[in-house]
C-alpha cells in the first residue's frame, strides 16, 4: 500500500524544487525530515510539509507504522506560469515568467521492519 500527498500551485520554479527533491528519494522518513530540516533552500520547507502530510495519511488512513515508512516516489511537475510584463528601453517589453510547481510525494511501508 502507498500513501500520497500533493502540494499544487506552489509559487516556486520546478527546477529549484527538483534540486531539493533529488536529495530525499528512497530514504527513510526520519532521515528525510532531517535532511530537509537542514537544507538551506526555500523549497525544503514546502517539501517537508508535503512529506509530513503523506506520512500522516499513511498513519491515519492506512494504519501504517511511522517507523517503517520511506519515500518511494517524489516528483515535481510544472504548474501554470504567471506572465508579467516589464517595460524596457525604446517602448519594448520583457516577459517575466513566474513559474509554479505541483509536488507529489508517495510513501510506502518497508517490509520486514
Protein backbone atom coordinates (compact mmCIF):
# COMPACT_ATOMS: atom_id res chain seq x y z
CA UNK A 1 0.00 0.00 0.00
CA UNK A 2 1.04 3.57 -0.53
CA UNK A 3 0.02 6.96 0.77
CA UNK A 4 0.19 10.14 -1.28
CA UNK A 5 0.20 13.85 -0.67
CA UNK A 6 0.14 16.71 -3.16
CA UNK A 7 1.02 20.38 -3.00
CA UNK A 8 -0.34 22.18 -6.01
CA UNK A 9 0.29 25.67 -7.39
CA UNK A 10 3.37 26.23 -5.23
CA UNK A 11 5.00 29.53 -6.17
CA UNK A 12 8.46 28.06 -6.74
CA UNK A 13 10.09 27.17 -10.02
CA UNK A 14 10.05 23.39 -10.65
CA UNK A 15 13.77 23.39 -11.43
CA UNK A 16 14.58 24.72 -7.95
CA UNK A 17 12.23 22.29 -6.21
CA UNK A 18 13.70 19.31 -8.10
CA UNK A 19 17.13 20.12 -6.64
CA UNK A 20 15.69 19.54 -3.15
CA UNK A 21 13.52 16.57 -4.11
CA UNK A 22 16.51 14.67 -5.52
CA UNK A 23 18.07 14.61 -2.04
CA UNK A 24 15.27 12.59 -0.42
CA UNK A 25 14.25 9.92 -2.90
CA UNK A 26 14.21 6.33 -1.49
CA UNK A 27 15.17 7.31 2.07
CA UNK A 28 13.55 6.58 5.44
CA UNK A 29 11.05 9.10 6.78
CA UNK A 30 13.15 10.24 9.76
CA UNK A 31 16.22 10.64 7.56
CA UNK A 32 14.22 12.65 5.00
CA UNK A 33 12.90 15.06 7.62
CA UNK A 34 16.43 15.53 9.00
CA UNK A 35 17.82 16.29 5.54
CA UNK A 36 15.05 18.77 4.76
CA UNK A 37 15.38 20.50 8.11
CA UNK A 38 18.99 21.47 7.41
CA UNK A 39 18.73 22.12 3.67
CA UNK A 40 19.14 25.89 3.18
CA UNK A 41 16.66 26.29 0.32
CA UNK A 42 13.18 27.76 0.36
CA UNK A 43 11.76 24.68 -1.36
CA UNK A 44 12.87 22.47 1.55
CA UNK A 45 10.12 23.84 3.82
CA UNK A 46 7.38 23.13 1.30
CA UNK A 47 8.68 19.64 0.50
CA UNK A 48 8.94 18.83 4.23
CA UNK A 49 5.32 19.86 4.69
CA UNK A 50 4.21 17.53 1.88
CA UNK A 51 6.29 14.64 3.28
CA UNK A 52 4.72 15.12 6.72
CA UNK A 53 1.27 15.15 5.13
CA UNK A 54 1.95 11.91 3.24
CA UNK A 55 3.22 10.30 6.47
CA UNK A 56 0.09 11.42 8.33
CA UNK A 57 -2.08 9.99 5.55
CA UNK A 58 -0.24 6.67 5.85
CA UNK A 59 -0.61 6.54 9.64
CA UNK A 60 -4.18 7.73 10.00
CA UNK A 61 -5.88 6.47 6.86
CA UNK A 62 -3.99 3.27 6.05
CA UNK A 63 -2.76 2.35 9.56
CA UNK A 64 0.90 2.01 8.59
CA UNK A 65 3.70 2.21 11.17
CA UNK A 66 5.58 5.52 11.11
CA UNK A 67 8.93 3.86 11.85
CA UNK A 68 8.82 1.70 8.73
CA UNK A 69 7.83 4.42 6.23
CA UNK A 70 10.10 5.53 3.40
CA UNK A 71 9.73 7.90 0.46
CA UNK A 72 9.06 5.68 -2.53
CA UNK A 73 8.38 8.33 -5.18
CA UNK A 74 8.65 12.07 -5.19
CA UNK A 75 8.27 14.20 -8.28
CA UNK A 76 7.66 17.78 -9.33
CA UNK A 77 5.53 18.77 -12.30
CA UNK A 78 5.14 22.18 -13.89
CA UNK A 79 2.11 24.17 -12.86
CA UNK A 80 0.67 27.13 -14.73
CA UNK A 81 3.03 30.02 -15.45
CA UNK A 82 2.02 33.54 -14.47
CA UNK A 83 3.08 36.02 -17.15
CA UNK A 84 4.05 39.55 -16.18
CA UNK A 85 5.39 42.40 -18.32
CA UNK A 86 8.31 44.66 -17.51
CA UNK A 87 8.90 47.79 -19.62
CA UNK A 88 12.24 48.00 -21.41
CA UNK A 89 14.08 50.56 -23.49
CA UNK A 90 12.51 52.23 -26.57
CA UNK A 91 8.96 51.14 -25.72
CA UNK A 92 9.63 47.43 -25.76
CA UNK A 93 8.52 44.93 -23.19
CA UNK A 94 10.11 41.97 -21.44
CA UNK A 95 8.10 38.97 -20.27
CA UNK A 96 8.67 37.83 -16.70
CA UNK A 97 7.60 34.22 -16.20
CA UNK A 98 6.60 33.37 -12.63
CA UNK A 99 6.58 29.59 -12.59
CA UNK A 100 4.58 27.32 -10.30
CA UNK A 101 5.01 23.68 -9.28
CA UNK A 102 2.94 20.66 -8.36
CA UNK A 103 4.77 18.48 -5.80
CA UNK A 104 3.76 14.85 -5.22
CA UNK A 105 5.15 12.55 -2.51
CA UNK A 106 4.39 8.82 -2.24
CA UNK A 107 5.37 6.93 0.91
CA UNK A 108 5.34 3.16 1.41
CA UNK A 109 5.97 0.79 4.26
CA UNK A 110 9.16 -1.28 4.26
CA UNK A 111 8.60 -4.99 4.61
CA UNK A 112 10.33 -6.82 7.47
CA UNK A 113 10.83 -3.79 9.73
